[in-house]
């Protein structure tokens, strides 16, 4: 069984910064792509950023230049540094990862964390 646990959310003023972390744990053989999604109140979940195991990165247009995704493969952890936050960034942020558990012969499992709340408010 594998698990993703996010941390680092909270309340921040407009223009401020937060750093989210997501650690994968359990019986893991390998982790391929990792990423972040978010869901604002009353809206559908949207993709934010993605990073492959080799470090290839993509961002949604709405966060490009403000957010930075990174990962530590040794720690099975992905990060999201969020700068210049605005009200529109308020959402629950979810970690997502393609994980191959140990002794697993099928395709990677697409796993989700439980989410962490980010609220931008003055």
Protein backbone atom coordinates (compact mmCIF):
# COMPACT_ATOMS: atom_id res chain seq x y z
CA UNK A 1 0.00 0.00 0.00
CA UNK A 2 1.26 3.46 -0.87
CA UNK A 3 0.25 6.82 0.49
CA UNK A 4 0.74 10.46 -0.42
CA UNK A 5 0.65 13.01 2.37
CA UNK A 6 0.65 16.75 1.68
CA UNK A 7 1.71 19.47 4.07
CA UNK A 8 2.48 23.16 4.06
CA UNK A 9 -0.89 24.70 3.33
CA UNK A 10 -2.28 27.59 5.29
CA UNK A 11 -3.42 31.18 5.27
CA UNK A 12 -1.33 33.76 3.48
CA UNK A 13 -1.81 37.36 2.41
CA UNK A 14 -1.90 38.38 -1.27
CA UNK A 15 1.62 38.59 -2.62
CA UNK A 16 2.89 36.10 -0.09
CA UNK A 17 4.49 32.69 -0.49
CA UNK A 18 3.92 29.14 0.64
CA UNK A 19 5.76 25.90 0.06
CA UNK A 20 3.82 22.69 -0.21
CA UNK A 21 5.34 19.27 0.28
CA UNK A 22 4.06 15.84 -0.61
CA UNK A 23 5.75 12.71 0.63
CA UNK A 24 5.07 9.27 -0.74
CA UNK A 25 5.38 6.34 1.63
CA UNK A 26 4.77 2.62 1.65
CA UNK A 27 6.12 -0.26 -0.34
CA UNK A 28 7.40 1.71 -3.33
CA UNK A 29 9.55 0.42 -6.15
CA UNK A 30 9.60 3.60 -8.20
CA UNK A 31 7.80 6.88 -8.73
CA UNK A 32 7.47 8.33 -12.20
CA UNK A 33 5.64 11.60 -12.78
CA UNK A 34 4.57 13.65 -9.77
CA UNK A 35 2.40 16.69 -9.82
CA UNK A 36 -0.01 19.08 -8.22
CA UNK A 37 -3.65 19.83 -8.86
CA UNK A 38 -5.99 22.23 -7.14
CA UNK A 39 -9.70 22.65 -6.64
CA UNK A 40 -11.25 25.97 -5.78
CA UNK A 41 -14.70 26.21 -4.18
CA UNK A 42 -17.39 25.54 -6.76
CA UNK A 43 -14.89 24.69 -9.48
CA UNK A 44 -13.51 21.55 -11.04
CA UNK A 45 -10.12 20.22 -10.08
CA UNK A 46 -7.43 21.66 -12.33
CA UNK A 47 -3.89 20.67 -13.11
CA UNK A 48 -1.16 22.96 -11.77
CA UNK A 49 2.26 21.47 -12.42
CA UNK A 50 4.04 18.22 -13.25
CA UNK A 51 7.56 16.92 -12.95
CA UNK A 52 8.90 13.65 -14.32
CA UNK A 53 11.45 11.47 -12.60
CA UNK A 54 14.14 12.86 -14.87
CA UNK A 55 13.15 16.43 -14.05
CA UNK A 56 11.10 17.50 -17.04
CA UNK A 57 8.64 20.16 -15.88
CA UNK A 58 5.40 21.65 -17.12
CA UNK A 59 3.17 24.33 -15.61
CA UNK A 60 -0.35 25.54 -16.14
CA UNK A 61 -0.41 28.97 -17.71
CA UNK A 62 -2.06 30.47 -14.64
CA UNK A 63 0.93 29.69 -12.40
CA UNK A 64 3.87 29.96 -14.80
CA UNK A 65 6.47 32.33 -13.44
CA UNK A 66 5.04 32.24 -9.92
CA UNK A 67 5.10 28.57 -8.91
CA UNK A 68 8.06 26.20 -8.95
CA UNK A 69 7.78 22.44 -8.75
CA UNK A 70 10.68 20.27 -7.66
CA UNK A 71 11.27 16.81 -6.30
CA UNK A 72 13.70 14.84 -4.18
CA UNK A 73 13.75 11.31 -5.54
CA UNK A 74 15.71 10.02 -2.57
CA UNK A 75 12.94 11.20 -0.26
CA UNK A 76 10.05 10.34 -2.60
CA UNK A 77 8.89 13.91 -2.13
CA UNK A 78 7.59 16.60 -4.44
CA UNK A 79 7.43 20.28 -3.58
CA UNK A 80 5.52 23.28 -4.85
CA UNK A 81 6.95 26.69 -4.11
CA UNK A 82 4.22 29.24 -4.59
CA UNK A 83 5.12 32.93 -4.83
CA UNK A 84 3.12 36.06 -5.56
CA UNK A 85 -0.04 34.37 -4.39
CA UNK A 86 -3.38 35.94 -5.28
CA UNK A 87 -6.95 35.40 -4.22
CA UNK A 88 -7.45 33.19 -7.27
CA UNK A 89 -4.92 30.71 -5.90
CA UNK A 90 -7.19 29.84 -2.99
CA UNK A 91 -7.98 26.14 -3.28
CA UNK A 92 -7.37 22.71 -1.91
CA UNK A 93 -4.10 21.52 -3.41
CA UNK A 94 -3.72 17.83 -4.18
CA UNK A 95 -0.59 15.84 -4.83
CA UNK A 96 -0.65 13.24 -7.60
CA UNK A 97 1.90 10.61 -8.52
CA UNK A 98 2.36 7.57 -10.74
CA UNK A 99 3.75 4.92 -8.44
CA UNK A 100 4.91 1.38 -9.03
CA UNK A 101 4.69 -0.56 -5.75
CA UNK A 102 7.17 -3.28 -4.94
CA UNK A 103 6.24 -6.69 -6.32
CA UNK A 104 3.74 -5.04 -8.66
CA UNK A 105 3.65 -6.28 -12.24
CA UNK A 106 0.98 -4.00 -13.64
CA UNK A 107 1.03 -0.41 -14.79
CA UNK A 108 1.87 2.39 -12.39
CA UNK A 109 -0.84 3.26 -9.90
CA UNK A 110 -2.10 6.83 -10.13
CA UNK A 111 -2.28 7.98 -6.53
CA UNK A 112 -3.73 11.06 -4.86
CA UNK A 113 -3.08 12.75 -1.56
CA UNK A 114 -5.81 13.94 0.76
CA UNK A 115 -5.29 17.60 -0.08
CA UNK A 116 -4.06 20.65 1.79
CA UNK A 117 -5.93 23.95 2.00
CA UNK A 118 -4.32 27.12 0.72
CA UNK A 119 -6.21 30.31 1.50
CA UNK A 120 -5.10 33.68 0.20
CA UNK A 121 -6.80 36.45 2.12
CA UNK A 122 -6.09 39.91 3.45
